[in-house]
Amino acid sequence: MASYNSWNGDRVHGHRFLLTEILKDKLGFKVILISDWEGIDQLCEPEGSDYRLCISLTINAGIDMVMVHFRYEKFIEELIYLVESREIPMSRIDDAIARILRLHRDLAREAVRKSLVLLKNGKDPMKPFLPLERNANRILVAETHADDLGNQCGGWTATRQAPYALGAYSSELMIPFNGMDVISSIADRIPVLAILISGRTLVLEPWLLEMMDALLAAWLPGTEGEGIVDAIFGDFDFEGRLRVTWFKRVELLPMHAADPLYPLGFGMTFNKE
């Protein structure tokens, strides 16, 4: 991602030397370059005042995918004009499309599956809860995140601020909305697999952990949440390990104390740690 920085006074979003000649050509960068949110607007003064120029500068500099706000229709209109007028060569468009298509959905699904961290599997260590029975008569899927692509992607999707803050804007770092209430309301009637969709570690109260039959940290799976299904039904084993220490209480942050909830590197596989 080309961020909101400048190099020798020139905005990186329009810097062909850095993005194309150095990164792509010399260093052999093969995947996609993405703009930061409305970052191309900074290529003219006042910001975004000459939108056509902003688009021309950033695409010709080597940006392959542009994050725009509510001006996406204007962006498409101006980009078409620039291509038809040959101010942006078709070869540049072909290069951008080829790079984007290389990021195949199967690869994204695999990344989701491999990043999952299984934190609990069964209330009894001798009786693992996962994998789920594929032929189960009924499985209740509850809570808002299960069918909300924006929440699964996290911030910087539909709006500049995250549609689901995941505790990032709260000093308490609790599971947002009514997630804890949902678990507690059903846990005494049916077994519960809790899948935590969050951009970071959150507080997991002991009483809540006790109610869960299994707990899975799914982070932000993005558009390919099917990778979660691949693992919980046993098509693949869990491989993910914690890259941070999972704290017990907010008061312990920054996490340098002993006795964490889950230590750095923790992650279970089926039937064992």
Protein backbone atom coordinates (compact mmCIF):
# COMPACT_ATOMS: atom_id res chain seq x y z
CA MET A 1 0.00 0.00 0.00
CA ALA A 2 1.19 3.46 -0.87
CA SER A 3 0.44 5.40 2.27
CA TYR A 4 0.01 9.11 2.91
CA ASN A 5 3.75 9.84 2.88
CA SER A 6 5.97 11.90 0.68
CA TRP A 7 9.53 11.22 -0.51
CA ASN A 8 11.73 14.23 -1.15
CA GLY A 9 8.58 16.33 -1.13
CA ASP A 10 6.65 14.25 -3.67
CA ARG A 11 3.56 12.26 -2.70
CA VAL A 12 4.16 8.51 -2.92
CA HIS A 13 0.75 7.91 -4.52
CA GLY A 14 2.00 9.61 -7.68
CA HIS A 15 5.65 8.54 -7.53
CA ARG A 16 6.34 6.44 -10.63
CA PHE A 17 10.06 6.11 -9.84
CA LEU A 18 9.38 4.46 -6.47
CA LEU A 19 6.29 2.44 -7.34
CA THR A 20 7.14 1.21 -10.82
CA GLU A 21 10.82 1.66 -11.62
CA ILE A 22 12.09 0.55 -8.20
CA LEU A 23 9.41 -1.63 -6.62
CA LYS A 24 7.95 -3.35 -9.66
CA ASP A 25 10.76 -3.32 -12.21
CA LYS A 26 13.94 -3.46 -10.16
CA LEU A 27 12.74 -5.40 -7.10
CA GLY A 28 10.34 -7.62 -9.05
CA PHE A 29 7.21 -6.93 -6.99
CA LYS A 30 4.57 -9.17 -8.63
CA VAL A 31 1.36 -8.56 -6.71
CA ILE A 32 -0.81 -5.46 -6.43
CA LEU A 33 -0.18 -1.92 -5.27
CA ILE A 34 -3.15 -0.40 -3.44
CA SER A 35 -3.76 3.23 -2.66
CA ASP A 36 -4.57 4.33 0.84
CA TRP A 37 -8.09 5.56 1.54
CA GLU A 38 -8.62 8.64 -0.65
CA GLY A 39 -4.85 8.93 -0.84
CA ILE A 40 -4.93 9.90 -4.50
CA ASP A 41 -6.89 13.06 -3.62
CA GLN A 42 -3.71 14.44 -2.07
CA LEU A 43 -2.04 14.68 -5.47
CA CYS A 44 -3.66 18.04 -6.17
CA GLU A 45 -4.46 21.18 -4.19
CA PRO A 46 -7.04 21.62 -2.78
CA GLU A 47 -7.35 17.88 -2.19
CA GLY A 48 -9.34 16.13 -4.90
CA SER A 49 -10.08 19.36 -6.78
CA ASP A 50 -8.76 18.00 -10.09
CA TYR A 51 -9.88 14.40 -9.73
CA ARG A 52 -9.04 13.44 -13.29
CA LEU A 53 -5.45 14.57 -12.79
CA CYS A 54 -5.23 12.68 -9.50
CA ILE A 55 -6.37 9.47 -11.20
CA SER A 56 -4.01 9.92 -14.13
CA LEU A 57 -1.00 10.52 -11.89
CA THR A 58 -1.62 7.59 -9.55
CA ILE A 59 -2.49 4.95 -12.17
CA ASN A 60 0.43 5.94 -14.39
CA ALA A 61 2.68 5.88 -11.33
CA GLY A 62 1.84 2.20 -10.81
CA ILE A 63 -1.10 1.98 -8.40
CA ASP A 64 -3.21 -1.03 -9.43
CA MET A 65 -6.21 -0.71 -7.10
CA VAL A 66 -7.64 2.52 -5.71
CA MET A 67 -9.59 2.92 -2.48
CA VAL A 68 -12.17 5.63 -3.07
CA HIS A 69 -14.93 6.89 -0.81
CA PHE A 70 -18.33 7.86 -2.21
CA ARG A 71 -16.87 9.09 -5.51
CA TYR A 72 -16.51 5.68 -7.08
CA GLU A 73 -18.90 6.52 -9.95
CA LYS A 74 -16.87 9.64 -10.71
CA PHE A 75 -13.68 7.59 -10.48
CA ILE A 76 -14.96 5.06 -13.03
CA GLU A 77 -16.14 7.83 -15.37
CA GLU A 78 -12.82 9.66 -15.27
CA LEU A 79 -10.76 6.47 -15.59
CA ILE A 80 -12.68 5.46 -18.72
CA TYR A 81 -12.07 8.90 -20.21
CA LEU A 82 -8.35 8.72 -19.44
CA VAL A 83 -8.02 5.29 -21.04
CA GLU A 84 -10.04 6.22 -24.12
CA SER A 85 -7.99 9.38 -24.56
CA ARG A 86 -4.82 7.30 -24.08
CA GLU A 87 -3.62 9.45 -21.21
CA ILE A 88 -3.48 6.12 -19.37
CA PRO A 89 -2.18 3.44 -21.75
CA MET A 90 -4.14 0.21 -22.03
CA SER A 91 -0.94 -1.66 -21.18
CA ARG A 92 -1.07 -0.06 -17.72
CA ILE A 93 -4.66 -1.27 -17.25
CA ASP A 94 -3.72 -4.76 -18.47
CA ASP A 95 -0.86 -4.87 -15.97
CA ALA A 96 -3.11 -3.82 -13.08
CA ILE A 97 -5.80 -6.37 -13.97
CA ALA A 98 -3.28 -9.18 -14.35
CA ARG A 99 -1.84 -8.42 -10.92
CA ILE A 100 -5.27 -8.36 -9.30
CA LEU A 101 -6.33 -11.63 -10.91
CA ARG A 102 -3.24 -13.34 -9.54
CA LEU A 103 -4.70 -12.90 -6.07
CA HIS A 104 -6.97 -15.89 -6.61
CA ARG A 105 -9.80 -16.49 -4.19
CA ASP A 106 -8.50 -19.96 -3.39
CA LEU A 107 -5.30 -18.40 -2.04
CA ALA A 108 -7.31 -16.00 0.14
CA ARG A 109 -9.40 -18.89 1.45
CA GLU A 110 -6.26 -20.83 2.29
CA ALA A 111 -4.86 -17.81 4.13
CA VAL A 112 -8.02 -17.60 6.23
CA ARG A 113 -7.85 -21.27 7.11
CA LYS A 114 -4.17 -21.18 8.05
CA SER A 115 -4.54 -18.06 10.20
CA LEU A 116 -7.27 -19.52 12.42
CA VAL A 117 -6.16 -20.14 16.01
CA LEU A 118 -8.02 -22.82 17.96
CA LEU A 119 -7.99 -21.72 21.60
CA LYS A 120 -10.35 -24.27 23.17
CA ASN A 121 -11.67 -27.60 21.96
CA GLY A 122 -14.03 -29.25 24.41
CA LYS A 123 -14.89 -28.72 28.06
CA ASP A 124 -13.36 -32.12 28.77
CA PRO A 125 -9.78 -32.46 27.42
CA MET A 126 -10.54 -36.09 26.60
CA LYS A 127 -13.62 -35.21 24.53
CA PRO A 128 -12.81 -32.70 21.77
CA PHE A 129 -15.75 -30.73 20.42
CA LEU A 130 -14.34 -30.14 16.94
CA PRO A 131 -14.56 -31.09 14.15
CA LEU A 132 -18.28 -30.56 13.81
CA GLU A 133 -20.47 -33.33 12.47
CA ARG A 134 -21.08 -32.55 8.82
CA ASN A 135 -24.40 -34.42 8.81
CA ALA A 136 -25.79 -32.68 11.88
CA ASN A 137 -29.53 -32.12 11.62
CA ARG A 138 -29.39 -28.47 12.63
CA ILE A 139 -26.69 -25.93 13.40
CA LEU A 140 -27.69 -22.55 14.80
CA VAL A 141 -25.58 -19.67 13.45
CA ALA A 142 -26.08 -16.60 15.62
CA GLU A 143 -24.86 -13.01 15.95
CA THR A 144 -24.34 -10.15 13.51
CA HIS A 145 -20.91 -11.02 12.16
CA ALA A 146 -21.86 -14.39 10.70
CA ASP A 147 -23.52 -12.81 7.67
CA ASP A 148 -21.92 -9.38 7.43
CA LEU A 149 -19.08 -8.98 4.97
CA GLY A 150 -18.25 -5.50 6.22
CA ASN A 151 -17.73 -6.77 9.76
CA GLN A 152 -15.66 -9.70 8.56
CA CYS A 153 -13.42 -7.36 6.60
CA GLY A 154 -13.08 -4.94 9.50
CA GLY A 155 -12.38 -1.27 8.93
CA TRP A 156 -11.52 0.58 5.74
CA THR A 157 -14.21 -1.12 3.71
CA ALA A 158 -17.52 0.69 3.33
CA THR A 159 -16.58 3.77 5.33
CA ARG A 160 -13.40 5.49 6.45
CA GLN A 161 -14.06 4.38 10.03
CA ALA A 162 -14.49 0.70 10.75
CA PRO A 163 -18.17 -0.40 10.68
CA TYR A 164 -17.22 -2.72 13.55
CA ALA A 165 -14.60 -1.33 15.88
CA LEU A 166 -13.74 -4.67 17.55
CA GLY A 167 -12.91 -2.85 20.74
CA ALA A 168 -10.30 -0.68 19.02
CA TYR A 169 -12.05 2.50 20.14
CA SER A 170 -12.85 1.23 23.62
CA SER A 171 -10.45 1.14 26.51
CA GLU A 172 -12.28 -1.90 27.91
CA LEU A 173 -11.56 -4.14 24.88
CA MET A 174 -14.67 -6.21 25.50
CA ILE A 175 -16.51 -8.24 22.86
CA PRO A 176 -18.70 -5.56 21.26
CA PHE A 177 -22.44 -5.42 20.86
CA ASN A 178 -24.25 -8.28 22.58
CA GLY A 179 -21.88 -11.12 21.80
CA MET A 180 -21.44 -12.19 25.40
CA ASP A 181 -25.19 -12.08 25.99
CA VAL A 182 -25.86 -14.30 22.99
CA ILE A 183 -23.40 -16.92 24.21
CA SER A 184 -24.72 -16.90 27.76
CA SER A 185 -28.34 -17.12 26.59
CA ILE A 186 -27.85 -20.30 24.56
CA ALA A 187 -24.96 -22.07 26.26
CA ASP A 188 -27.18 -23.78 28.85
CA ARG A 189 -29.32 -25.31 26.08
CA ILE A 190 -26.98 -26.22 23.22
CA PRO A 191 -23.22 -26.73 22.79
CA VAL A 192 -21.45 -23.57 21.65
CA LEU A 193 -18.59 -22.99 19.24
CA ALA A 194 -17.63 -19.32 19.62
CA ILE A 195 -15.86 -17.83 16.60
CA LEU A 196 -14.33 -14.52 17.55
CA ILE A 197 -14.10 -12.15 14.57
CA SER A 198 -11.84 -9.31 15.67
CA GLY A 199 -8.84 -7.33 14.59
CA ARG A 200 -7.06 -7.96 17.88
CA THR A 201 -7.22 -9.87 21.15
CA LEU A 202 -10.15 -9.01 23.39
CA VAL A 203 -11.09 -9.65 27.01
CA LEU A 204 -12.46 -13.16 27.56
CA GLU A 205 -14.02 -13.42 30.99
CA PRO A 206 -13.53 -16.78 32.81
CA TRP A 207 -17.29 -17.34 33.15
CA LEU A 208 -17.69 -16.80 29.41
CA LEU A 209 -14.87 -19.19 28.51
CA GLU A 210 -16.45 -21.83 30.74
CA MET A 211 -19.70 -21.63 28.77
CA MET A 212 -17.98 -22.26 25.43
CA ASP A 213 -17.43 -25.78 24.19
CA ALA A 214 -14.90 -24.50 21.69
CA LEU A 215 -13.31 -21.13 20.92
CA LEU A 216 -11.76 -20.05 17.65
CA ALA A 217 -9.96 -16.78 16.91
CA ALA A 218 -10.78 -16.03 13.27
CA TRP A 219 -9.36 -12.47 13.23
CA LEU A 220 -10.72 -10.66 10.15
CA PRO A 221 -11.31 -13.31 7.46
CA GLY A 222 -12.40 -10.79 4.83
CA THR A 223 -14.29 -12.02 1.79
CA GLU A 224 -13.28 -15.68 2.02
CA GLY A 225 -14.82 -16.77 5.29
CA GLU A 226 -15.38 -20.22 3.82
CA GLY A 227 -11.86 -20.95 5.05
CA ILE A 228 -13.36 -21.15 8.54
CA VAL A 229 -15.82 -23.81 7.38
CA ASP A 230 -12.96 -25.85 5.89
CA ALA A 231 -11.40 -26.19 9.32
CA ILE A 232 -14.32 -26.53 11.71
CA PHE A 233 -15.76 -29.45 9.73
CA GLY A 234 -12.41 -31.20 9.68
CA ASP A 235 -11.36 -30.94 6.03
CA PHE A 236 -8.12 -29.38 7.28
CA ASP A 237 -6.49 -29.25 10.69
CA PHE A 238 -5.78 -25.99 12.47
CA GLU A 239 -2.33 -24.51 11.92
CA GLY A 240 -2.54 -21.01 13.38
CA ARG A 241 -0.52 -19.93 16.39
CA LEU A 242 -0.83 -16.74 18.39
CA ARG A 243 1.58 -14.05 17.29
CA VAL A 244 0.78 -12.03 20.41
CA THR A 245 0.19 -12.92 24.02
CA TRP A 246 -3.52 -13.00 24.89
CA PHE A 247 -4.03 -10.94 28.02
CA LYS A 248 -6.38 -11.74 30.89
CA ARG A 249 -7.25 -8.17 31.83
CA VAL A 250 -6.81 -4.76 30.25
CA GLU A 251 -4.84 -3.67 33.30
CA LEU A 252 -2.03 -6.04 32.27
CA LEU A 253 -1.41 -4.20 29.01
CA PRO A 254 1.12 -3.78 27.56
CA MET A 255 1.43 -7.53 27.94
CA HIS A 256 4.77 -8.21 29.63
CA ALA A 257 3.42 -10.05 32.65
CA ALA A 258 3.58 -13.74 33.28
CA ASP A 259 0.38 -15.74 33.59
CA PRO A 260 -1.32 -14.78 30.32
CA LEU A 261 -4.67 -16.18 29.28
CA TYR A 262 -3.00 -17.76 26.25
CA PRO A 263 0.78 -17.49 25.75
CA LEU A 264 2.58 -16.34 22.65
CA GLY A 265 2.67 -19.19 20.14
CA PHE A 266 -0.37 -20.99 21.54
CA GLY A 267 -2.71 -22.81 19.20
CA MET A 268 -4.41 -26.19 19.27
CA THR A 269 -4.89 -28.83 16.62
CA PHE A 270 -7.55 -31.52 16.68
CA ASN A 271 -7.37 -33.59 19.86
CA LYS A 272 -4.22 -31.95 21.19
CA GLU A 273 -2.32 -28.71 21.71
